[in-house]
Amino acid sequence: MAGPRHGRLLEGSAAPPTGERVERLLQRGGTVIEQILSGELPEPVDYDQDHDEWVVVLGGAAEIEVDGKRLSMEPGEWVFLPRRTPHKVLRTGRGTSWLAVQLDDVDSRTR
């Protein structure tokens, strides 16, 4: 069994000018925790992932679309995205920091 781990989140200033920087913080079994730093988006980005994901904005701001609804995301706001839920990141400010927890869907593996 692995021992305790310690680290520090990246500052928003480490974000790229455009696109995203993804840093894997921890993986345990099928669960992955990542920090995502967003730059400006030249155009919206579509996602349709094969895992459940819980995402919270730590700093900055973003606008996403889930099930046709636009959500303005500010620090402290989170969203849970079940696997295969199409969603789109419409806008982010440079330096927007997200914490993403990807969850292993044990139920889907046993079906």
PDB file of N, CA and C in Angstrom:
ATOM      1  N   MET A   1       0.845  -1.178   0.000  1.00  0.00           N
ATOM      2  CA  MET A   1       0.000   0.000   0.000  1.00  0.00           C
ATOM      3  C   MET A   1       0.889   1.238   0.000  1.00  0.00           C
ATOM      4  N   ALA A   2       0.528   2.213  -0.832  1.00  0.00           N
ATOM      5  CA  ALA A   2       1.306   3.445  -0.928  1.00  0.00           C
ATOM      6  C   ALA A   2       1.096   4.297   0.318  1.00  0.00           C
ATOM      7  N   GLY A   3       2.130   5.035   0.668  1.00  0.00           N
ATOM      8  CA  GLY A   3       2.060   5.919   1.826  1.00  0.00           C
ATOM      9  C   GLY A   3       1.419   7.255   1.492  1.00  0.00           C
ATOM     10  N   PRO A   4       1.421   8.157   2.455  1.00  0.00           N
ATOM     11  CA  PRO A   4       0.836   9.488   2.237  1.00  0.00           C
ATOM     12  C   PRO A   4       1.548  10.217   1.099  1.00  0.00           C
ATOM     13  N   ARG A   5       0.830  11.100   0.446  1.00  0.00           N
ATOM     14  CA  ARG A   5       1.395  11.917  -0.630  1.00  0.00           C
ATOM     15  C   ARG A   5       1.094  13.368  -0.337  1.00  0.00           C
ATOM     16  N   HIS A   6       1.946  14.237  -0.836  1.00  0.00           N
ATOM     17  CA  HIS A   6       1.808  15.660  -0.578  1.00  0.00           C
ATOM     18  C   HIS A   6       2.175  16.410  -1.845  1.00  0.00           C
ATOM     19  N   GLY A   7       1.541  17.515  -2.111  1.00  0.00           N
ATOM     20  CA  GLY A   7       1.864  18.294  -3.297  1.00  0.00           C
ATOM     21  C   GLY A   7       1.248  19.668  -3.225  1.00  0.00           C
ATOM     22  N   ARG A   8       1.377  20.395  -4.286  1.00  0.00           N
ATOM     23  CA  ARG A   8       0.825  21.752  -4.380  1.00  0.00           C
ATOM     24  C   ARG A   8       0.159  21.913  -5.739  1.00  0.00           C
ATOM     25  N   LEU A   9      -1.003  22.551  -5.747  1.00  0.00           N
ATOM     26  CA  LEU A   9      -1.683  22.836  -7.004  1.00  0.00           C
ATOM     27  C   LEU A   9      -0.915  23.907  -7.765  1.00  0.00           C
ATOM     28  N   LEU A  10      -1.034  23.877  -9.078  1.00  0.00           N
ATOM     29  CA  LEU A  10      -0.402  24.880  -9.917  1.00  0.00           C
ATOM     30  C   LEU A  10      -1.139  26.210  -9.802  1.00  0.00           C
ATOM     31  N   GLU A  11      -0.393  27.300  -9.935  1.00  0.00           N
ATOM     32  CA  GLU A  11      -0.983  28.631  -9.957  1.00  0.00           C
ATOM     33  C   GLU A  11      -1.601  28.882 -11.326  1.00  0.00           C
ATOM     34  N   GLY A  12      -2.607  29.740 -11.383  1.00  0.00           N
ATOM     35  CA  GLY A  12      -3.246  30.072 -12.641  1.00  0.00           C
ATOM     36  C   GLY A  12      -2.286  30.636 -13.676  1.00  0.00           C
ATOM     37  N   SER A  13      -1.201  31.256 -13.199  1.00  0.00           N
ATOM     38  CA  SER A  13      -0.215  31.833 -14.126  1.00  0.00           C
ATOM     39  C   SER A  13       0.510  30.759 -14.939  1.00  0.00           C
ATOM     40  N   ALA A  14       0.397  29.491 -14.536  1.00  0.00           N
ATOM     41  CA  ALA A  14       1.035  28.391 -15.270  1.00  0.00           C
ATOM     42  C   ALA A  14       0.174  27.908 -16.433  1.00  0.00           C
ATOM     43  N   ALA A  15      -0.996  28.528 -16.633  1.00  0.00           N
ATOM     44  CA  ALA A  15      -1.879  28.126 -17.726  1.00  0.00           C
ATOM     45  C   ALA A  15      -1.282  28.518 -19.074  1.00  0.00           C
ATOM     46  N   PRO A  16      -1.546  27.741 -20.102  1.00  0.00           N
ATOM     47  CA  PRO A  16      -1.076  28.118 -21.438  1.00  0.00           C
ATOM     48  C   PRO A  16      -1.890  29.301 -21.964  1.00  0.00           C
ATOM     49  N   PRO A  17      -1.384  30.030 -22.947  1.00  0.00           N
ATOM     50  CA  PRO A  17      -2.159  31.140 -23.519  1.00  0.00           C
ATOM     51  C   PRO A  17      -3.476  30.661 -24.140  1.00  0.00           C
ATOM     52  N   THR A  18      -3.437  29.483 -24.799  1.00  0.00           N
ATOM     53  CA  THR A  18      -4.650  28.889 -25.361  1.00  0.00           C
ATOM     54  C   THR A  18      -4.658  27.401 -25.021  1.00  0.00           C
ATOM     55  N   GLY A  19      -5.826  26.795 -25.054  1.00  0.00           N
ATOM     56  CA  GLY A  19      -5.937  25.361 -24.771  1.00  0.00           C
ATOM     57  C   GLY A  19      -5.917  25.062 -23.284  1.00  0.00           C
ATOM     58  N   GLU A  20      -5.469  23.873 -22.946  1.00  0.00           N
ATOM     59  CA  GLU A  20      -5.467  23.426 -21.549  1.00  0.00           C
ATOM     60  C   GLU A  20      -4.143  22.778 -21.174  1.00  0.00           C
ATOM     61  N   ARG A  21      -3.830  22.871 -19.913  1.00  0.00           N
ATOM     62  CA  ARG A  21      -2.721  22.123 -19.318  1.00  0.00           C
ATOM     63  C   ARG A  21      -3.351  21.207 -18.278  1.00  0.00           C
ATOM     64  N   VAL A  22      -3.101  19.917 -18.394  1.00  0.00           N
ATOM     65  CA  VAL A  22      -3.691  18.937 -17.481  1.00  0.00           C
ATOM     66  C   VAL A  22      -2.571  18.293 -16.678  1.00  0.00           C
ATOM     67  N   GLU A  23      -2.689  18.355 -15.357  1.00  0.00           N
ATOM     68  CA  GLU A  23      -1.719  17.739 -14.454  1.00  0.00           C
ATOM     69  C   GLU A  23      -2.419  16.657 -13.642  1.00  0.00           C
ATOM     70  N   ARG A  24      -1.970  15.417 -13.785  1.00  0.00           N
ATOM     71  CA  ARG A  24      -2.523  14.321 -12.997  1.00  0.00           C
ATOM     72  C   ARG A  24      -1.946  14.429 -11.592  1.00  0.00           C
ATOM     73  N   LEU A  25      -2.823  14.560 -10.613  1.00  0.00           N
ATOM     74  CA  LEU A  25      -2.399  14.704  -9.227  1.00  0.00           C
ATOM     75  C   LEU A  25      -2.339  13.364  -8.508  1.00  0.00           C
ATOM     76  N   LEU A  26      -3.289  12.497  -8.820  1.00  0.00           N
ATOM     77  CA  LEU A  26      -3.368  11.220  -8.115  1.00  0.00           C
ATOM     78  C   LEU A  26      -4.204  10.239  -8.922  1.00  0.00           C
ATOM     79  N   GLN A  27      -3.783   8.999  -8.906  1.00  0.00           N
ATOM     80  CA  GLN A  27      -4.596   7.929  -9.468  1.00  0.00           C
ATOM     81  C   GLN A  27      -4.597   6.793  -8.470  1.00  0.00           C
ATOM     82  N   ARG A  28      -5.773   6.333  -8.167  1.00  0.00           N
ATOM     83  CA  ARG A  28      -5.932   5.230  -7.217  1.00  0.00           C
ATOM     84  C   ARG A  28      -6.985   4.305  -7.788  1.00  0.00           C
ATOM     85  N   GLY A  29      -6.576   3.115  -8.207  1.00  0.00           N
ATOM     86  CA  GLY A  29      -7.519   2.226  -8.881  1.00  0.00           C
ATOM     87  C   GLY A  29      -7.986   2.914 -10.153  1.00  0.00           C
ATOM     88  N   GLY A  30      -9.276   2.964 -10.353  1.00  0.00           N
ATOM     89  CA  GLY A  30      -9.822   3.619 -11.536  1.00  0.00           C
ATOM     90  C   GLY A  30     -10.198   5.063 -11.322  1.00  0.00           C
ATOM     91  N   THR A  31      -9.886   5.626 -10.159  1.00  0.00           N
ATOM     92  CA  THR A  31     -10.204   7.019  -9.882  1.00  0.00           C
ATOM     93  C   THR A  31      -8.983   7.882 -10.168  1.00  0.00           C
ATOM     94  N   VAL A  32      -9.196   8.959 -10.914  1.00  0.00           N
ATOM     95  CA  VAL A  32      -8.117   9.874 -11.284  1.00  0.00           C
ATOM     96  C   VAL A  32      -8.506  11.279 -10.848  1.00  0.00           C
ATOM     97  N   ILE A  33      -7.566  11.997 -10.231  1.00  0.00           N
ATOM     98  CA  ILE A  33      -7.768  13.394  -9.844  1.00  0.00           C
ATOM     99  C   ILE A  33      -6.779  14.232 -10.640  1.00  0.00           C
ATOM    100  N   GLU A  34      -7.307  15.233 -11.341  1.00  0.00           N
ATOM    101  CA  GLU A  34      -6.472  16.092 -12.170  1.00  0.00           C
ATOM    102  C   GLU A  34      -6.767  17.557 -11.889  1.00  0.00           C
ATOM    103  N   GLN A  35      -5.743  18.381 -12.088  1.00  0.00           N
ATOM    104  CA  GLN A  35      -5.938  19.821 -12.118  1.00  0.00           C
ATOM    105  C   GLN A  35      -5.848  20.235 -13.578  1.00  0.00           C
ATOM    106  N   ILE A  36      -6.797  21.034 -14.008  1.00  0.00           N
ATOM    107  CA  ILE A  36      -6.813  21.535 -15.374  1.00  0.00           C
ATOM    108  C   ILE A  36      -6.673  23.047 -15.314  1.00  0.00           C
ATOM    109  N   LEU A  37      -5.705  23.573 -16.042  1.00  0.00           N
ATOM    110  CA  LEU A  37      -5.534  25.017 -16.173  1.00  0.00           C
ATOM    111  C   LEU A  37      -5.914  25.397 -17.596  1.00  0.00           C
ATOM    112  N   SER A  38      -6.867  26.298 -17.722  1.00  0.00           N
ATOM    113  CA  SER A  38      -7.364  26.690 -19.036  1.00  0.00           C
ATOM    114  C   SER A  38      -6.748  27.993 -19.492  1.00  0.00           C
ATOM    115  N   GLY A  39      -6.440  28.034 -20.785  1.00  0.00           N
ATOM    116  CA  GLY A  39      -6.110  29.278 -21.454  1.00  0.00           C
ATOM    117  C   GLY A  39      -7.357  29.754 -22.183  1.00  0.00           C
ATOM    118  N   GLU A  40      -7.206  30.764 -22.999  1.00  0.00           N
ATOM    119  CA  GLU A  40      -8.333  31.212 -23.823  1.00  0.00           C
ATOM    120  C   GLU A  40      -8.684  30.087 -24.794  1.00  0.00           C
ATOM    121  N   LEU A  41      -9.954  29.975 -25.126  1.00  0.00           N
ATOM    122  CA  LEU A  41     -10.393  28.971 -26.091  1.00  0.00           C
ATOM    123  C   LEU A  41     -10.673  29.662 -27.420  1.00  0.00           C
ATOM    124  N   PRO A  42      -9.971  29.276 -28.473  1.00  0.00           N
ATOM    125  CA  PRO A  42     -10.251  29.889 -29.767  1.00  0.00           C
ATOM    126  C   PRO A  42     -11.636  29.515 -30.291  1.00  0.00           C
ATOM    127  N   GLU A  43     -12.133  28.354 -29.871  1.00  0.00           N
ATOM    128  CA  GLU A  43     -13.483  27.912 -30.233  1.00  0.00           C
ATOM    129  C   GLU A  43     -13.956  26.928 -29.172  1.00  0.00           C
ATOM    130  N   PRO A  44     -15.284  26.720 -29.055  1.00  0.00           N
ATOM    131  CA  PRO A  44     -15.801  25.773 -28.061  1.00  0.00           C
ATOM    132  C   PRO A  44     -15.216  24.375 -28.258  1.00  0.00           C
ATOM    133  N   VAL A  45     -15.128  23.632 -27.142  1.00  0.00           N
ATOM    134  CA  VAL A  45     -14.563  22.280 -27.163  1.00  0.00           C
ATOM    135  C   VAL A  45     -15.627  21.296 -26.686  1.00  0.00           C
ATOM    136  N   ASP A  46     -15.898  20.268 -27.520  1.00  0.00           N
ATOM    137  CA  ASP A  46     -16.883  19.236 -27.186  1.00  0.00           C
ATOM    138  C   ASP A  46     -16.217  18.075 -26.462  1.00  0.00           C
ATOM    139  N   TYR A  47     -16.951  17.505 -25.488  1.00  0.00           N
ATOM    140  CA  TYR A  47     -16.484  16.332 -24.752  1.00  0.00           C
ATOM    141  C   TYR A  47     -17.612  15.313 -24.658  1.00  0.00           C
ATOM    142  N   ASP A  48     -17.252  14.042 -24.675  1.00  0.00           N
ATOM    143  CA  ASP A  48     -18.178  12.931 -24.457  1.00  0.00           C
ATOM    144  C   ASP A  48     -17.310  11.801 -23.900  1.00  0.00           C
ATOM    145  N   GLN A  49     -17.193  11.744 -22.586  1.00  0.00           N
ATOM    146  CA  GLN A  49     -16.210  10.869 -21.950  1.00  0.00           C
ATOM    147  C   GLN A  49     -16.803   9.542 -21.521  1.00  0.00           C
ATOM    148  N   ASP A  50     -15.942   8.533 -21.420  1.00  0.00           N
ATOM    149  CA  ASP A  50     -16.399   7.196 -21.048  1.00  0.00           C
ATOM    150  C   ASP A  50     -16.279   6.934 -19.552  1.00  0.00           C
ATOM    151  N   HIS A  51     -16.232   7.997 -18.757  1.00  0.00           N
ATOM    152  CA  HIS A  51     -16.189   7.858 -17.303  1.00  0.00           C
ATOM    153  C   HIS A  51     -17.041   8.964 -16.674  1.00  0.00           C
ATOM    154  N   ASP A  52     -17.509   8.727 -15.450  1.00  0.00           N
ATOM    155  CA  ASP A  52     -18.173   9.775 -14.680  1.00  0.00           C
ATOM    156  C   ASP A  52     -17.114  10.792 -14.281  1.00  0.00           C
ATOM    157  N   GLU A  53     -17.514  12.062 -14.198  1.00  0.00           N
ATOM    158  CA  GLU A  53     -16.554  13.097 -13.814  1.00  0.00           C
ATOM    159  C   GLU A  53     -17.245  14.160 -12.973  1.00  0.00           C
ATOM    160  N   TRP A  54     -16.598  14.519 -11.882  1.00  0.00           N
ATOM    161  CA  TRP A  54     -17.033  15.621 -11.026  1.00  0.00           C
ATOM    162  C   TRP A  54     -15.980  16.710 -11.175  1.00  0.00           C
ATOM    163  N   VAL A  55     -16.426  17.940 -11.495  1.00  0.00           N
ATOM    164  CA  VAL A  55     -15.502  19.035 -11.766  1.00  0.00           C
ATOM    165  C   VAL A  55     -15.911  20.251 -10.958  1.00  0.00           C
ATOM    166  N   VAL A  56     -14.918  20.911 -10.340  1.00  0.00           N
ATOM    167  CA  VAL A  56     -15.161  22.150  -9.593  1.00  0.00           C
ATOM    168  C   VAL A  56     -14.193  23.218 -10.092  1.00  0.00           C
ATOM    169  N   VAL A  57     -14.673  24.444 -10.204  1.00  0.00           N
ATOM    170  CA  VAL A  57     -13.809  25.561 -10.577  1.00  0.00           C
ATOM    171  C   VAL A  57     -13.153  26.083  -9.302  1.00  0.00           C
ATOM    172  N   LEU A  58     -11.826  26.112  -9.309  1.00  0.00           N
ATOM    173  CA  LEU A  58     -11.071  26.606  -8.158  1.00  0.00           C
ATOM    174  C   LEU A  58     -10.791  28.100  -8.263  1.00  0.00           C
ATOM    175  N   GLY A  59     -10.591  28.571  -9.477  1.00  0.00           N
ATOM    176  CA  GLY A  59     -10.296  29.981  -9.701  1.00  0.00           C
ATOM    177  C   GLY A  59     -10.593  30.341 -11.138  1.00  0.00           C
ATOM    178  N   GLY A  60     -10.911  31.605 -11.384  1.00  0.00           N
ATOM    179  CA  GLY A  60     -11.244  32.045 -12.731  1.00  0.00           C
ATOM    180  C   GLY A  60     -12.726  31.865 -13.008  1.00  0.00           C
ATOM    181  N   ALA A  61     -13.070  31.723 -14.275  1.00  0.00           N
ATOM    182  CA  ALA A  61     -14.471  31.582 -14.668  1.00  0.00           C
ATOM    183  C   ALA A  61     -14.555  30.856 -15.999  1.00  0.00           C
ATOM    184  N   ALA A  62     -15.686  30.203 -16.208  1.00  0.00           N
ATOM    185  CA  ALA A  62     -15.912  29.479 -17.455  1.00  0.00           C
ATOM    186  C   ALA A  62     -17.405  29.403 -17.721  1.00  0.00           C
ATOM    187  N   GLU A  63     -17.721  29.097 -18.954  1.00  0.00           N
ATOM    188  CA  GLU A  63     -19.105  28.838 -19.326  1.00  0.00           C
ATOM    189  C   GLU A  63     -19.126  27.509 -20.062  1.00  0.00           C
ATOM    190  N   ILE A  64     -20.010  26.605 -19.611  1.00  0.00           N
ATOM    191  CA  ILE A  64     -20.133  25.304 -20.250  1.00  0.00           C
ATOM    192  C   ILE A  64     -21.583  25.077 -20.637  1.00  0.00           C
ATOM    193  N   GLU A  65     -21.783  24.083 -21.492  1.00  0.00           N
ATOM    194  CA  GLU A  65     -23.135  23.696 -21.894  1.00  0.00           C
ATOM    195  C   GLU A  65     -23.293  22.209 -21.633  1.00  0.00           C
ATOM    196  N   VAL A  66     -24.341  21.854 -20.875  1.00  0.00           N
ATOM    197  CA  VAL A  66     -24.644  20.459 -20.556  1.00  0.00           C
ATOM    198  C   VAL A  66     -26.135  20.254 -20.798  1.00  0.00           C
ATOM    199  N   ASP A  67     -26.482  19.248 -21.588  1.00  0.00           N
ATOM    200  CA  ASP A  67     -27.889  18.968 -21.898  1.00  0.00           C
ATOM    201  C   ASP A  67     -28.625  20.210 -22.391  1.00  0.00           C
ATOM    202  N   GLY A  68     -27.956  21.024 -23.209  1.00  0.00           N
ATOM    203  CA  GLY A  68     -28.582  22.216 -23.776  1.00  0.00           C
ATOM    204  C   GLY A  68     -28.683  23.400 -22.836  1.00  0.00           C
ATOM    205  N   LYS A  69     -28.219  23.252 -21.593  1.00  0.00           N
ATOM    206  CA  LYS A  69     -28.261  24.352 -20.621  1.00  0.00           C
ATOM    207  C   LYS A  69     -26.882  24.969 -20.482  1.00  0.00           C
ATOM    208  N   ARG A  70     -26.828  26.288 -20.508  1.00  0.00           N
ATOM    209  CA  ARG A  70     -25.570  27.004 -20.292  1.00  0.00           C
ATOM    210  C   ARG A  70     -25.369  27.225 -18.799  1.00  0.00           C
ATOM    211  N   LEU A  71     -24.186  26.891 -18.342  1.00  0.00           N
ATOM    212  CA  LEU A  71     -23.842  27.079 -16.935  1.00  0.00           C
ATOM    213  C   LEU A  71     -22.651  28.012 -16.848  1.00  0.00           C
ATOM    214  N   SER A  72     -22.803  29.099 -16.112  1.00  0.00           N
ATOM    215  CA  SER A  72     -21.679  29.984 -15.827  1.00  0.00           C
ATOM    216  C   SER A  72     -21.023  29.457 -14.566  1.00  0.00           C
ATOM    217  N   MET A  73     -19.754  29.121 -14.661  1.00  0.00           N
ATOM    218  CA  MET A  73     -19.032  28.499 -13.554  1.00  0.00           C
ATOM    219  C   MET A  73     -18.050  29.501 -12.959  1.00  0.00           C
ATOM    220  N   GLU A  74     -18.154  29.692 -11.655  1.00  0.00           N
ATOM    221  CA  GLU A  74     -17.242  30.558 -10.914  1.00  0.00           C
ATOM    222  C   GLU A  74     -16.628  29.736  -9.790  1.00  0.00           C
ATOM    223  N   PRO A  75     -15.604  30.264  -9.105  1.00  0.00           N
ATOM    224  CA  PRO A  75     -14.956  29.495  -8.040  1.00  0.00           C
ATOM    225  C   PRO A  75     -15.960  28.933  -7.031  1.00  0.00           C
ATOM    226  N   GLY A  76     -15.795  27.650  -6.750  1.00  0.00           N
ATOM    227  CA  GLY A  76     -16.654  26.955  -5.802  1.00  0.00           C
ATOM    228  C   GLY A  76     -17.822  26.240  -6.446  1.00  0.00           C
ATOM    229  N   GLU A  77     -18.103  26.524  -7.714  1.00  0.00           N
ATOM    230  CA  GLU A  77     -19.215  25.859  -8.387  1.00  0.00           C
ATOM    231  C   GLU A  77     -18.732  24.573  -9.037  1.00  0.00           C
ATOM    232  N   TRP A  78     -19.557  23.539  -8.953  1.00  0.00           N
ATOM    233  CA  TRP A  78     -19.179  22.236  -9.470  1.00  0.00           C
ATOM    234  C   TRP A  78     -20.320  21.649 -10.286  1.00  0.00           C
ATOM    235  N   VAL A  79     -19.968  20.639 -11.075  1.00  0.00           N
ATOM    236  CA  VAL A  79     -20.947  19.918 -11.873  1.00  0.00           C
ATOM    237  C   VAL A  79     -20.530  18.449 -11.912  1.00  0.00           C
ATOM    238  N   PHE A  80     -21.518  17.572 -11.858  1.00  0.00           N
ATOM    239  CA  PHE A  80     -21.280  16.137 -12.007  1.00  0.00           C
ATOM    240  C   PHE A  80     -21.745  15.744 -13.398  1.00  0.00           C
ATOM    241  N   LEU A  81     -20.863  15.084 -14.146  1.00  0.00           N
ATOM    242  CA  LEU A  81     -21.156  14.678 -15.518  1.00  0.00           C
ATOM    243  C   LEU A  81     -21.106  13.158 -15.616  1.00  0.00           C
ATOM    244  N   PRO A  82     -22.270  12.506 -15.642  1.00  0.00           N
ATOM    245  CA  PRO A  82     -22.267  11.050 -15.810  1.00  0.00           C
ATOM    246  C   PRO A  82     -21.611  10.676 -17.139  1.00  0.00           C
ATOM    247  N   ARG A  83     -21.029   9.479 -17.186  1.00  0.00           N
ATOM    248  CA  ARG A  83     -20.376   9.014 -18.414  1.00  0.00           C
ATOM    249  C   ARG A  83     -21.319   9.153 -19.601  1.00  0.00           C
ATOM    250  N   ARG A  84     -20.713   9.465 -20.740  1.00  0.00           N
ATOM    251  CA  ARG A  84     -21.422   9.617 -22.005  1.00  0.00           C
ATOM    252  C   ARG A  84     -22.409  10.784 -22.013  1.00  0.00           C
ATOM    253  N   THR A  85     -22.194  11.785 -21.146  1.00  0.00           N
ATOM    254  CA  THR A  85     -22.998  13.006 -21.172  1.00  0.00           C
ATOM    255  C   THR A  85     -22.266  14.018 -22.044  1.00  0.00           C
ATOM    256  N   PRO A  86     -22.774  14.286 -23.244  1.00  0.00           N
ATOM    257  CA  PRO A  86     -22.101  15.279 -24.087  1.00  0.00           C
ATOM    258  C   PRO A  86     -22.129  16.645 -23.395  1.00  0.00           C
ATOM    259  N   HIS A  87     -20.995  17.300 -23.388  1.00  0.00           N
ATOM    260  CA  HIS A  87     -20.917  18.646 -22.829  1.00  0.00           C
ATOM    261  C   HIS A  87     -19.874  19.437 -23.604  1.00  0.00           C
ATOM    262  N   LYS A  88     -19.964  20.754 -23.465  1.00  0.00           N
ATOM    263  CA  LYS A  88     -19.121  21.630 -24.267  1.00  0.00           C
ATOM    264  C   LYS A  88     -18.599  22.755 -23.374  1.00  0.00           C
ATOM    265  N   VAL A  89     -17.298  23.007 -23.454  1.00  0.00           N
ATOM    266  CA  VAL A  89     -16.724  24.176 -22.795  1.00  0.00           C
ATOM    267  C   VAL A  89     -16.811  25.308 -23.815  1.00  0.00           C
ATOM    268  N   LEU A  90     -17.611  26.320 -23.483  1.00  0.00           N
ATOM    269  CA  LEU A  90     -17.866  27.416 -24.407  1.00  0.00           C
ATOM    270  C   LEU A  90     -16.845  28.542 -24.271  1.00  0.00           C
ATOM    271  N   ARG A  91     -16.453  28.825 -23.019  1.00  0.00           N
ATOM    272  CA  ARG A  91     -15.571  29.955 -22.765  1.00  0.00           C
ATOM    273  C   ARG A  91     -14.828  29.733 -21.463  1.00  0.00           C
ATOM    274  N   THR A  92     -13.560  30.099 -21.438  1.00  0.00           N
ATOM    275  CA  THR A  92     -12.791  30.128 -20.194  1.00  0.00           C
ATOM    276  C   THR A  92     -11.914  31.363 -20.219  1.00  0.00           C
ATOM    277  N   GLY A  93     -11.591  31.844 -19.037  1.00  0.00           N
ATOM    278  CA  GLY A  93     -10.608  32.908 -18.932  1.00  0.00           C
ATOM    279  C   GLY A  93      -9.239  32.281 -18.728  1.00  0.00           C
ATOM    280  N   ARG A  94      -8.195  32.940 -19.229  1.00  0.00           N
ATOM    281  CA  ARG A  94      -6.848  32.401 -19.041  1.00  0.00           C
ATOM    282  C   ARG A  94      -6.559  32.298 -17.552  1.00  0.00           C
ATOM    283  N   GLY A  95      -6.067  31.149 -17.146  1.00  0.00           N
ATOM    284  CA  GLY A  95      -5.752  30.912 -15.748  1.00  0.00           C
ATOM    285  C   GLY A  95      -6.881  30.281 -14.962  1.00  0.00           C
ATOM    286  N   THR A  96      -7.996  29.950 -15.636  1.00  0.00           N
ATOM    287  CA  THR A  96      -9.074  29.262 -14.931  1.00  0.00           C
ATOM    288  C   THR A  96      -8.553  27.899 -14.485  1.00  0.00           C
ATOM    289  N   SER A  97      -8.751  27.591 -13.218  1.00  0.00           N
ATOM    290  CA  SER A  97      -8.249  26.357 -12.622  1.00  0.00           C
ATOM    291  C   SER A  97      -9.425  25.481 -12.217  1.00  0.00           C
ATOM    292  N   TRP A  98      -9.359  24.232 -12.636  1.00  0.00           N
ATOM    293  CA  TRP A  98     -10.400  23.240 -12.355  1.00  0.00           C
ATOM    294  C   TRP A  98      -9.782  22.075 -11.592  1.00  0.00           C
ATOM    295  N   LEU A  99     -10.571  21.444 -10.753  1.00  0.00           N
ATOM    296  CA  LEU A  99     -10.201  20.162 -10.163  1.00  0.00           C
ATOM    297  C   LEU A  99     -11.188  19.153 -10.716  1.00  0.00           C
ATOM    298  N   ALA A 100     -10.684  18.122 -11.370  1.00  0.00           N
ATOM    299  CA  ALA A 100     -11.533  17.102 -12.000  1.00  0.00           C
ATOM    300  C   ALA A 100     -11.276  15.757 -11.344  1.00  0.00           C
ATOM    301  N   VAL A 101     -12.355  15.092 -10.962  1.00  0.00           N
ATOM    302  CA  VAL A 101     -12.263  13.751 -10.390  1.00  0.00           C
ATOM    303  C   VAL A 101     -12.981  12.811 -11.337  1.00  0.00           C
ATOM    304  N   GLN A 102     -12.207  11.930 -11.971  1.00  0.00           N
ATOM    305  CA  GLN A 102     -12.758  10.933 -12.881  1.00  0.00           C
ATOM    306  C   GLN A 102     -12.986   9.659 -12.084  1.00  0.00           C
ATOM    307  N   LEU A 103     -14.216   9.178 -12.132  1.00  0.00           N
ATOM    308  CA  LEU A 103     -14.598   8.026 -11.323  1.00  0.00           C
ATOM    309  C   LEU A 103     -14.721   6.775 -12.175  1.00  0.00           C
ATOM    310  N   ASP A 104     -14.122   5.706 -11.708  1.00  0.00           N
ATOM    311  CA  ASP A 104     -14.258   4.408 -12.359  1.00  0.00           C
ATOM    312  C   ASP A 104     -15.686   3.943 -12.175  1.00  0.00           C
ATOM    313  N   ASP A 105     -16.340   3.594 -13.253  1.00  0.00           N
ATOM    314  CA  ASP A 105     -17.730   3.143 -13.194  1.00  0.00           C
ATOM    315  C   ASP A 105     -17.757   1.627 -13.039  1.00  0.00           C
ATOM    316  N   VAL A 106     -17.686   1.179 -11.793  1.00  0.00           N
ATOM    317  CA  VAL A 106     -17.655  -0.256 -11.501  1.00  0.00           C
ATOM    318  C   VAL A 106     -18.921  -0.926 -11.996  1.00  0.00           C
ATOM    319  N   ASP A 107     -20.069  -0.263 -11.883  1.00  0.00           N
ATOM    320  CA  ASP A 107     -21.327  -0.863 -12.307  1.00  0.00           C
ATOM    321  C   ASP A 107     -21.328  -1.224 -13.781  1.00  0.00           C
ATOM    322  N   SER A 108     -20.714  -0.349 -14.632  1.00  0.00           N
ATOM    323  CA  SER A 108     -20.742  -0.630 -16.069  1.00  0.00           C
ATOM    324  C   SER A 108     -19.851  -1.811 -16.429  1.00  0.00           C
ATOM    325  N   ARG A 109     -18.844  -2.103 -15.617  1.00  0.00           N
ATOM    326  CA  ARG A 109     -17.950  -3.225 -15.904  1.00  0.00           C
ATOM    327  C   ARG A 109     -18.589  -4.555 -15.526  1.00  0.00           C
ATOM    328  N   THR A 110     -19.602  -4.533 -14.668  1.00  0.00           N
ATOM    329  CA  THR A 110     -20.205  -5.787 -14.213  1.00  0.00           C
ATOM    330  C   THR A 110     -21.503  -6.099 -14.958  1.00  0.00           C
ATOM    331  N   ARG A 111     -21.910  -5.254 -15.887  1.00  0.00           N
ATOM    332  CA  ARG A 111     -23.154  -5.480 -16.631  1.00  0.00           C
ATOM    333  C   ARG A 111     -22.968  -6.481 -17.737  1.00  0.00           C
TER     334      ARG A 111
END
